Every structure is written in C-alpha cells, then in structure tokens.
Protein backbone atom coordinates (compact mmCIF):
# COMPACT_ATOMS: atom_id res chain seq x y z
CA MET A 1 80.95 76.07 155.75
CA PHE A 2 83.71 73.81 155.74
CA TYR A 3 81.40 71.55 157.31
CA VAL A 4 79.29 71.69 154.76
CA LEU A 5 82.02 71.60 151.98
CA ALA A 6 83.50 68.13 153.77
CA LEU A 7 79.51 66.76 153.80
CA LEU A 8 79.48 67.43 150.18
CA ILE A 9 83.01 66.03 149.09
CA LEU A 10 81.53 63.00 150.95
CA ALA A 11 78.15 62.92 148.68
CA LEU A 12 80.17 63.44 145.47
CA LEU A 13 82.45 60.49 146.30
CA ILE A 14 79.33 57.98 146.73
CA VAL A 15 77.67 59.56 143.72
CA VAL A 16 80.79 58.53 141.53
CA HIS A 17 80.31 55.45 143.11
CA GLU A 18 76.81 54.35 142.57
CA PHE A 19 77.23 56.27 138.97
CA GLY A 20 80.34 53.36 137.96
CA HIS A 21 77.48 51.08 139.36
CA TYR A 22 75.55 52.84 136.81
CA ILE A 23 77.32 53.37 133.53
CA THR A 24 78.79 50.01 133.42
CA GLY A 25 75.36 47.93 134.20
CA ARG A 26 73.96 50.22 131.07
CA LEU A 27 77.10 49.00 129.00
CA LEU A 28 76.44 45.78 129.80
CA GLY A 29 72.89 45.41 129.37
CA PHE A 30 71.21 45.20 132.78
CA LYS A 31 68.28 46.51 133.68
CA VAL A 32 68.56 49.69 135.41
CA LEU A 33 65.36 50.72 137.50
CA GLU A 34 66.47 54.09 139.11
CA PHE A 35 69.60 56.46 139.71
CA ALA A 36 69.15 58.92 142.53
CA VAL A 37 71.51 61.90 143.97
CA GLY A 38 70.92 61.96 147.46
CA PHE A 39 68.41 60.15 149.72
CA GLY A 40 64.61 60.97 150.95
CA PRO A 41 61.81 63.03 149.30
CA LYS A 42 62.34 63.69 145.69
CA LEU A 43 63.33 67.74 144.45
CA ILE A 44 63.24 66.87 140.41
CA LYS A 45 62.48 63.90 138.82
CA TRP A 46 62.36 62.65 135.37
CA GLU A 47 62.04 59.15 133.38
CA ARG A 48 63.81 58.50 130.24
CA LYS A 49 63.99 55.41 128.38
CA GLY A 50 62.33 53.41 131.44
CA ILE A 51 64.82 54.57 133.78
CA LYS A 52 63.59 57.11 136.82
CA TYR A 53 66.13 59.40 137.81
CA SER A 54 65.55 61.95 140.87
CA VAL A 55 67.63 64.78 142.56
CA ARG A 56 66.50 64.29 146.37
CA ALA A 57 66.43 66.37 149.43
CA ILE A 58 69.30 64.96 151.39
CA PRO A 59 72.95 65.04 149.96
CA LEU A 60 74.18 62.18 151.49
CA GLY A 61 75.50 60.45 148.54
CA GLY A 62 72.99 58.68 146.31
CA PHE A 63 71.97 55.11 144.46
CA CYS A 64 71.69 52.75 141.63
CA SER A 65 68.70 50.34 141.65
CA PHE A 66 68.94 47.38 139.62
CA ALA A 67 65.92 44.58 138.64
CA GLY A 68 66.17 41.23 140.32
CA GLU A 69 69.21 42.43 142.74
CA ASP A 70 67.95 40.42 146.13
CA LYS A 71 65.57 38.26 144.14
CA GLU A 72 64.43 36.44 141.04
CA ASP A 73 62.92 37.78 138.15
CA GLU A 74 62.63 35.20 136.03
CA ASN A 75 60.17 37.36 133.20
CA ASP A 76 63.06 39.75 132.34
CA PRO A 77 66.88 38.56 131.00
CA ARG A 78 68.18 41.52 131.53
CA ALA A 79 67.59 41.35 135.35
CA MET A 80 70.95 41.57 137.26
CA ASN A 81 70.52 37.69 138.56
CA ASN A 82 69.49 36.51 135.20
CA MET A 83 72.83 38.00 134.22
CA PRO A 84 75.85 36.50 133.23
CA TRP A 85 78.22 35.99 136.41
CA TYR A 86 81.20 37.43 135.45
CA LYS A 87 79.02 40.83 134.05
CA ARG A 88 77.74 40.51 137.64
CA LEU A 89 81.19 40.85 138.81
CA VAL A 90 82.30 43.73 136.16
CA VAL A 91 79.51 45.70 137.71
CA LEU A 92 79.87 45.06 141.33
CA PHE A 93 83.01 45.97 141.03
CA SER A 94 82.52 49.22 139.10
CA GLY A 95 81.37 51.21 142.15
CA ALA A 96 84.84 50.63 143.68
CA GLY A 97 86.92 50.77 140.54
CA PHE A 98 85.10 54.24 139.25
CA ASN A 99 86.42 55.56 142.96
CA ILE A 100 89.81 54.08 142.21
CA LEU A 101 89.81 55.87 138.62
CA PHE A 102 88.74 59.04 139.86
CA ALA A 103 91.51 59.43 143.01
CA LEU A 104 93.52 58.36 140.22
CA ILE A 105 92.70 61.59 138.19
CA ILE A 106 92.49 63.66 141.42
CA GLY A 107 96.21 62.36 141.70
CA ILE A 108 97.35 63.95 138.46
CA VAL A 109 95.89 66.78 139.05
CA LEU A 110 97.33 67.43 142.69
CA PHE A 111 101.21 66.49 140.76
CA TRP A 112 100.31 68.46 138.19
CA CYS A 113 99.39 71.73 139.97
CA ALA A 114 101.50 71.51 142.85
CA GLY A 115 103.42 67.96 142.52
CA TYR A 116 106.98 69.48 143.61
CA SER A 117 107.97 71.06 147.22
CA THR A 118 110.62 73.17 146.88
CA ALA A 119 112.66 74.04 150.14
CA THR A 120 114.26 77.34 150.38
CA ILE A 121 116.70 78.22 153.38
CA THR A 122 114.96 81.30 155.42
CA GLY A 123 117.99 80.99 157.78
CA ILE A 124 120.94 79.21 159.17
CA GLU A 125 121.65 78.59 163.15
CA GLN A 126 124.72 80.44 164.33
CA GLY A 127 127.08 77.72 165.84
CA THR A 128 126.14 74.88 163.70
CA PRO A 129 128.22 72.59 161.88
CA ILE A 130 126.13 74.09 158.22
CA ALA A 131 127.07 77.52 158.99
CA ALA A 132 130.86 77.24 158.38
CA THR A 133 129.79 76.19 154.85
CA ALA A 134 128.96 78.12 151.91
CA ALA A 135 125.27 77.78 152.48
CA THR A 136 123.35 80.65 153.10
CA ALA A 137 119.85 82.19 153.48
CA GLY A 138 118.19 81.97 149.83
CA ASP A 139 119.56 78.95 148.77
CA ARG A 140 117.15 76.22 147.65
CA ILE A 141 117.48 72.83 148.45
CA VAL A 142 117.25 70.59 145.51
CA ALA A 143 119.14 67.26 146.36
CA VAL A 144 120.31 65.13 149.54
CA ASN A 145 122.96 62.60 149.04
CA GLY A 146 122.16 62.83 145.18
CA GLN A 147 118.71 62.11 145.82
CA GLU A 148 116.15 64.63 144.10
CA ILE A 149 114.00 66.66 146.44
CA THR A 150 110.05 65.85 144.92
CA THR A 151 108.17 66.87 147.80
CA GLN A 152 108.08 68.09 151.53
CA ASP A 153 108.02 64.71 152.66
CA SER A 154 110.81 62.93 150.37
CA LEU A 155 113.24 65.84 151.82
CA SER A 156 111.93 65.02 155.59
CA GLN A 157 112.29 61.42 154.91
CA LEU A 158 115.72 61.37 153.24
CA LEU A 159 116.94 63.70 155.94
CA ASN A 160 116.05 61.02 158.38
CA ALA A 161 117.60 58.32 156.53
CA ALA A 162 120.49 60.36 156.62
CA ALA A 163 120.82 61.51 159.99
CA GLY A 164 121.90 57.71 161.29
CA ASP A 165 125.03 58.50 159.60
CA GLY A 166 125.79 61.63 161.16
CA GLN A 167 126.64 63.56 158.03
CA VAL A 168 124.79 64.73 154.95
CA ARG A 169 125.77 66.16 151.26
CA LEU A 170 123.15 68.62 150.32
CA THR A 171 122.78 69.93 147.01
CA LEU A 172 121.58 73.51 146.71
CA GLU A 173 120.87 75.84 144.13
CA ARG A 174 121.71 79.57 143.63
CA ASP A 175 121.20 82.04 140.94
CA GLY A 176 120.53 78.76 138.85
CA ARG A 177 123.90 77.24 139.67
CA GLN A 178 124.31 74.07 141.75
CA PHE A 179 127.00 73.09 143.93
CA ASP A 180 127.39 70.94 147.48
CA VAL A 181 127.81 71.12 151.15
CA GLU A 182 128.85 68.50 153.52
CA THR A 183 127.35 69.04 156.84
CA ALA A 184 126.90 67.35 159.96
CA PHE A 185 123.82 66.74 162.38
CA TYR A 186 123.80 67.99 165.71
CA ARG A 187 120.91 66.61 168.33
CA ASP A 188 118.28 68.60 169.88
CA TYR A 189 115.12 68.34 171.40
CA ARG A 190 111.21 68.99 170.56
CA TYR A 191 109.18 69.54 173.46
CA TYR A 192 105.44 68.01 173.27
CA ALA A 193 102.43 68.17 175.66
CA ARG A 194 101.46 64.38 174.15
CA ILE A 195 97.66 66.66 173.97
CA GLU A 196 95.88 66.20 170.21
CA PHE A 197 94.12 69.64 169.63
CA GLU A 198 91.35 70.33 167.03
CA VAL A 199 91.98 73.58 165.82
CA LEU A 200 89.08 75.29 164.12
CA SER A 201 89.02 79.08 162.56
CA ASP A 202 88.34 81.05 165.98
CA GLN A 203 89.25 78.52 168.60
CA ILE A 204 91.49 75.75 169.49
CA ARG A 205 90.10 72.55 171.66
CA ILE A 206 91.30 69.51 173.20
CA TYR A 207 90.51 66.67 171.28
CA SER A 208 92.34 63.63 172.82
CA VAL A 209 95.32 63.40 175.48
CA GLY A 210 98.03 60.99 175.10
CA GLU A 211 98.81 57.98 177.77
CA ASP A 212 102.22 58.80 178.00
CA SER A 213 101.42 62.48 178.77
CA SER A 214 101.67 63.92 182.21
CA PHE A 215 98.09 65.61 181.82
CA TYR A 216 96.64 62.80 181.43
CA GLY A 217 93.85 61.52 184.08
CA GLN A 218 93.47 64.75 184.86
CA ASP A 219 90.21 66.54 184.11
CA ILE A 220 90.32 67.24 181.04
CA ARG A 221 87.27 66.75 178.72
CA LYS A 222 86.99 66.62 175.05
CA GLY A 223 85.86 69.43 173.49
CA ASP A 224 87.45 71.63 176.14
CA VAL A 225 88.69 75.06 175.00
CA VAL A 226 92.45 76.37 175.07
CA VAL A 227 92.29 79.85 176.18
CA LYS A 228 95.92 80.70 177.47
CA VAL A 229 98.77 78.73 177.68
CA ASN A 230 101.25 79.64 180.56
CA GLY A 231 99.38 82.40 181.32
CA LYS A 232 99.84 83.69 177.98
CA GLU A 233 96.85 84.36 175.24
CA PHE A 234 98.23 82.90 172.01
CA ALA A 235 96.57 83.68 167.88
CA GLY A 236 96.26 79.81 166.45
CA ALA A 237 97.73 76.78 166.82
CA ASN A 238 101.80 77.89 166.02
CA GLU A 239 101.74 80.35 168.91
CA LEU A 240 100.09 77.53 171.16
CA TYR A 241 102.84 74.81 170.03
CA SER A 242 105.65 77.16 170.00
CA GLU A 243 104.92 78.68 173.98
CA ILE A 244 104.52 74.73 174.67
CA SER A 245 107.92 73.65 173.14
CA LYS A 246 110.09 76.61 174.62
CA THR A 247 108.44 75.29 178.20
CA GLY A 248 110.85 72.79 177.84
CA GLN A 249 111.29 70.59 180.80
CA GLY A 250 109.30 73.24 183.01
CA GLN A 251 105.78 73.50 184.15
CA LEU A 252 103.69 73.83 181.54
CA THR A 253 99.95 75.30 181.94
CA LEU A 254 97.28 75.08 180.07
CA THR A 255 93.71 77.47 181.00
CA LEU A 256 91.06 75.67 179.82
CA GLN A 257 87.33 76.57 179.46
CA ARG A 258 84.22 74.47 179.31
CA ASP A 259 80.85 75.57 179.67
CA GLY A 260 81.59 79.45 180.69
CA SER A 261 84.03 79.11 183.53
CA THR A 262 88.23 78.67 183.13
CA PHE A 263 90.73 76.46 185.10
CA ASP A 264 94.29 75.31 185.00
CA VAL A 265 95.77 72.35 184.19
CA THR A 266 99.45 71.40 184.72
CA GLY A 267 102.20 69.00 183.71
CA LYS A 268 105.08 69.04 182.35
CA PRO A 269 105.71 68.82 178.62
CA VAL A 270 107.52 65.07 176.75
CA ALA A 271 110.84 65.65 175.80
CA GLU A 272 111.53 64.10 172.00
CA PRO A 273 115.04 63.74 170.99
CA PHE A 274 115.88 64.61 167.07
CA GLU A 275 118.37 65.28 164.64
CA ARG A 276 119.30 68.29 162.86
CA VAL A 277 121.01 70.31 160.64
CA GLY A 278 120.53 73.81 161.67
CA VAL A 279 118.26 75.63 159.14
CA THR A 280 114.74 76.92 158.81
CA LEU A 281 113.22 76.37 155.76
CA SER A 282 110.01 77.61 153.48
CA TYR A 283 108.14 75.52 151.29
CA ASP A 284 106.35 76.36 147.92
CA TYR A 285 104.77 74.42 145.14
CA ALA A 286 105.90 73.53 141.27
CA PRO A 287 103.91 72.36 139.30
CA MET A 288 105.32 68.71 137.56
CA PRO A 289 105.13 67.60 134.02
CA PHE A 290 101.94 65.40 133.30
CA GLY A 291 103.72 62.15 132.50
CA GLU A 292 105.28 62.07 135.99
CA ALA A 293 102.15 63.36 137.68
CA PHE A 294 100.58 60.26 136.19
CA VAL A 295 103.39 57.77 137.16
CA SER A 296 103.44 59.34 140.39
CA SER A 297 99.52 59.46 141.13
CA VAL A 298 99.56 55.71 140.55
CA LYS A 299 102.14 55.29 143.24
CA ALA A 300 101.03 57.48 145.88
CA GLY A 301 97.73 55.74 145.31
CA TRP A 302 99.70 52.25 145.22
CA ASN A 303 100.99 53.13 148.30
CA LEU A 304 97.88 54.50 150.30
CA CYS A 305 96.36 51.14 149.46
CA GLY A 306 99.08 49.20 150.91
CA GLU A 307 98.95 51.31 154.50
CA MET A 308 94.92 50.58 154.15
CA MET A 309 95.71 46.76 153.82
CA SER A 310 97.94 46.94 156.75
CA PHE A 311 95.94 48.90 158.94
CA LEU A 312 92.96 46.23 158.80
CA GLY A 313 95.47 43.45 158.87
CA LYS A 314 96.02 45.29 162.30
CA LEU A 315 92.52 45.43 162.77
CA ILE A 316 91.93 41.96 162.59
CA THR A 317 94.58 40.76 164.82
CA GLY A 318 93.66 43.31 167.21
CA ARG A 319 96.73 45.41 167.29
CA ALA A 320 95.03 48.50 165.62
CA ASP A 321 94.78 51.89 167.37
CA LEU A 322 90.75 51.71 167.83
CA THR A 323 90.83 55.68 168.18
CA MET A 324 91.77 55.93 164.48
CA VAL A 325 88.50 53.95 163.34
CA THR A 326 85.37 56.62 163.17
CA GLY A 327 81.95 56.55 161.87
CA PRO A 328 81.33 59.68 158.96
CA VAL A 329 79.81 62.25 161.04
CA THR A 330 83.33 62.20 162.83
CA THR A 331 85.14 62.17 159.48
CA ILE A 332 82.79 65.03 158.13
CA GLY A 333 84.19 67.33 161.33
CA THR A 334 88.00 66.13 160.94
CA MET A 335 87.83 67.07 157.11
CA GLY A 336 85.86 70.60 158.00
CA ASN A 337 88.95 70.69 160.79
CA LEU A 338 91.46 70.23 158.04
CA VAL A 339 90.02 72.40 155.28
CA SER A 340 89.78 75.07 157.74
CA GLN A 341 93.34 75.05 159.10
CA SER A 342 94.37 75.32 155.39
CA ALA A 343 92.30 77.91 154.21
CA ALA A 344 94.88 80.33 156.87
CA GLY A 345 97.18 80.04 154.24
CA GLY A 346 95.44 81.21 151.29
CA ALA A 347 93.45 79.82 148.60
CA PHE A 348 95.86 77.27 146.84
CA SER A 349 96.51 75.45 150.14
CA ALA A 350 92.59 75.22 151.01
CA PHE A 351 92.48 74.21 147.15
CA ILE A 352 94.93 71.44 147.84
CA THR A 353 94.07 70.63 150.89
CA VAL A 354 90.57 69.12 149.01
CA LEU A 355 91.85 67.36 146.45
CA ASN A 356 94.34 65.85 148.68
CA LEU A 357 91.01 64.75 150.72
CA ILE A 358 89.17 63.94 148.20
CA TRP A 359 91.56 61.72 147.03
CA ALA A 360 92.44 60.15 150.42
CA ILE A 361 88.75 59.56 150.75
CA SER A 362 87.92 58.00 147.38
CA LEU A 363 90.18 55.49 147.68
CA ASN A 364 89.11 54.65 151.38
CA LEU A 365 85.46 54.12 150.42
CA ALA A 366 87.01 51.88 147.15
CA ILE A 367 88.79 49.42 149.73
CA PHE A 368 85.89 49.62 152.68
CA ASN A 369 83.35 48.56 149.69
CA LEU A 370 85.68 45.61 148.14
CA LEU A 371 85.69 44.17 152.04
CA PRO A 372 83.58 40.68 151.79
CA ILE A 373 81.11 42.50 154.49
CA PRO A 374 77.36 41.58 153.89
CA ALA A 375 75.74 44.74 152.41
CA LEU A 376 79.01 45.91 150.71
CA ASP A 377 79.99 44.90 147.34
CA GLY A 378 82.62 42.43 148.12
CA ALA A 379 80.64 40.46 149.66
CA ARG A 380 77.97 40.39 147.19
CA MET A 381 80.77 39.40 144.33
CA VAL A 382 82.05 36.55 147.32
CA PHE A 383 78.13 35.33 146.55
CA VAL A 384 78.67 35.70 142.86
CA ILE A 385 82.62 33.88 142.93
CA ILE A 386 80.34 30.91 145.05
CA GLU A 387 77.85 30.69 142.56
CA ALA A 388 80.27 30.33 139.67
CA ILE A 389 81.86 27.98 141.08
CA ARG A 390 78.96 25.85 142.04
CA ARG A 391 76.91 26.48 139.13
CA LYS A 392 73.69 27.40 140.89
CA PRO A 393 72.83 30.36 143.16
CA ILE A 394 72.57 30.09 146.99
CA LYS A 395 68.68 31.04 147.71
CA ARG A 396 68.29 34.37 146.50
CA GLU A 397 65.83 35.32 149.33
CA LEU A 398 69.00 33.75 151.83
CA GLU A 399 71.46 35.82 150.06
CA GLY A 400 69.10 38.83 150.31
CA THR A 401 68.34 38.81 154.09
CA ILE A 402 71.86 38.11 154.95
CA HIS A 403 72.63 41.60 153.17
CA SER A 404 69.56 43.14 155.26
CA VAL A 405 71.27 41.59 158.18
CA GLY A 406 74.24 43.40 157.36
CA PHE A 407 73.45 46.45 156.86
CA ILE A 408 71.65 47.01 159.59
CA VAL A 409 74.53 45.75 161.49
CA LEU A 410 77.08 48.13 159.67
CA ILE A 411 74.15 50.94 160.40
CA LEU A 412 74.52 49.93 164.25
CA LEU A 413 78.47 50.09 164.19
CA VAL A 414 78.48 53.50 162.58
CA VAL A 415 75.71 54.77 165.40
CA VAL A 416 77.99 52.97 168.13
CA LEU A 417 81.40 54.78 166.79
CA GLU A 418 79.72 58.00 166.90
CA VAL A 419 78.10 57.42 170.38
CA SER A 420 81.37 56.46 172.01
CA LYS A 421 83.17 59.48 170.55
CA ILE A 422 80.52 61.76 171.33
CA PHE A 423 80.13 60.27 175.08
CA THR A 424 83.55 59.53 175.93
CA GLY A 425 85.85 62.48 177.18
CA VAL A 426 89.56 62.56 176.80
CA GLY A 427 91.99 59.55 178.54
CA GLY A 428 88.54 57.37 178.51
CA THR A 429 86.54 59.28 180.76
CA PRO A 430 82.88 59.61 179.99
CA ILE A 431 81.93 63.65 179.70
CA TRP A 432 79.02 63.02 182.29
CA MET A 433 81.54 62.20 184.95
C-alpha cells in the first residue's frame, strides 16, 4: 500500500508540472492540443474548446501537447513556434515554476501544522555535569546559548556548535516559567555496523555495506533479511540499532536469511565519538503562525535548492557519491519505506512524512527539469534563448531530433540506473556471484 502511495505522489507532482505548462499556455494564447493525466489507453476522454482531455490507464504522470512544438506550423499563429520567444520561455519555465510554487504551499502547510519541534527532558543520566544543575525530567528546552529552538534539527545543530566550547547554556521551561542552567559536555561513543538497512513493515533487510565496515567484502547481499543480532531476535529497527550499539567494541553477529536458508556473519562495530549533555529527550510538534510558516518555507526551499545545486556540481566534477543517484523505481521504493517506517509512529507522523516527501521531490523535479539536457524544459529554454540572440531559430527538425535523441538517452540512463541497483549486491559484488 505504501508503494502505491509513493507512486501516486510521484504521479501527482508530474501532473502539477504539466498543468503549469497547460494553464500558462492557455493564458498566453498558445494552442493546446491535448492535456492528459496518465499514459497508455484512455479510460475517460472528452473535448472542450478544441482541446482533448483524457484520463489514462497508467498513472505515471501526464502530458500537455502544444501545436507546433518541434516543427514549423506556418498556418496557425497560436502554434508554439510561431509565438514570441519570451512567451515560449514563460511557458517552458512554468512547469518547474508550478512545482516550486506547489512545494512552497506544501512547506507552508508543514510548518503551519508542525513547524515547531518541542524537546522535553525525559531523563537525566546520573554522574553527568547536568545532573548537578536544577534541570529535571519534564523540563522543556526552549533555547541553547540564547538561540530559540524551533525544530529538532535546530536543537541538534545548536548543541553540535556549542560542543566545541565544552560548555553550554540551556534555557528551560517549567510550569510556564523559564530559567537558565549552565552545564558541560562529556565525551561518549556510539557504535555502528556501518550497514544501511532497509526497514519494511514486516522485516529489515540489508541495503548496502560501507567500505569502512568490518562486514565489507563478506558474503552479504542487498535484500538479505536480518533475523537476529547477537543470537537474539528483535522487534523493529530501534531494537536492532540498540543491540548493535550495546555490542561496543565486542564481536557483532548478524544472522541473515537468503533463499530460505540462514547464516551468520560477524564483525566489529565502528566507534564514533560525540559530545553529550547527558539527557534523554522526547519530541512533539507545535503549530507555527502562518507568517513564520511562509518565511520558513521559503528559507527551507532555498536551502534545499542550494544543496541540490551543490550535489550537481560535485556530480559534474566527479566528486559526488554515485550511490545517491537513483532512478524512479528506486525512488518510489525508498519513499514507500519512509512512509512505512513513519506509519509506526501514528497517522500524524505518516502525514508529516508524506508532506515532506511531496515538498522535497517537487523541488527536485523542478531543478531537474530546468537542467539544459535535451528533452528537458531547460534545454528547450536554451534553444529559445539562442533563437532570441540570433533572431532566427535553429532548424526545427534539428532541434526535434536533438530532443528525441536526448529522450532516448534519458530512458537508457534510467534503465542502467535501475538495472545497476538490481544486479549489484552489497560492496559492489554482483548478486549472481
């Protein structure tokens, strides 16, 4: 069910993109031939004002068809290639523009519904510096070194920034009254297997093994099911991670299942030092005023776009982690897993996760479509700009051929990405070996 939901999310965002082209084209006087939701055989069809509309069998997005997109149409002044260049530029950008606008709206809803993440102390570790202060279980952390906490991430970021000084001032709230406590960090260690797990509703599977893991190079394949850790059965990801951490510097044994048979693999967790305050926390959501939600949505969207552009830069220069590049099938699978995991925390948690996915993927789709790659809107915009500079178009047939070849290359790239995910096991080992 979660994978179907992920598929529908992706389809919705493509429809939003195509609707952007459609509505902008109509407003600017372009001749629209057809607007379709989905692909394949038509389930429902109708025609209005010379435009064909349809709902099709395969819910993988949709399309908007304009007259004269890749060829000359001398007889109709409303054909795309007969319209002024600046209007074509607006129509081509509007698909990505609607994805950005949609992400902005979703971001506002996210921050409006659950913008603030409140952190409440649920326990204080004895023998730590904070145990000697006035802090107690039930206190809510509202600021770190005078800076207000608004999200769980902001709390982590502020504590990490303060850790370098060794000291931190926490502003706590108890019974409506705020007060400060000064405390110190202390060093502790987390232990990781350096294995990425795929958490499903009924099982946990191996997804990948890091090269710095002691399990790297062993007979572990993507899709192996983890059934025991250190000889013990576990209930859910938290118990698995907890048992791995408790192993410390000892020997960690994972019991895996593949093709009906079980086997053990052993290794040692990797120690990672970190600075602790000495409290356990619980988090809850609190609504954010609309004005703040709007500003936060714009800032968050801008930051995410910056991160995507940075990753593209690394991709071009060969410094990017290519395992982060996936096709639509893998993306849908990852989305389904995230929604499945969040559903364990309740309906509201799942709702927030779905909104986060819609927000992030809508922005990703916008940035991707604006890239100057043949067949994408970005490349079509480049051709329009060249035409405006030269004051005459590149031959329409040549442009159409370039976009057609680009589309074929994109499809082949998607196939290669998905096949590489299927036929490559963990640690770079093909699954048939």
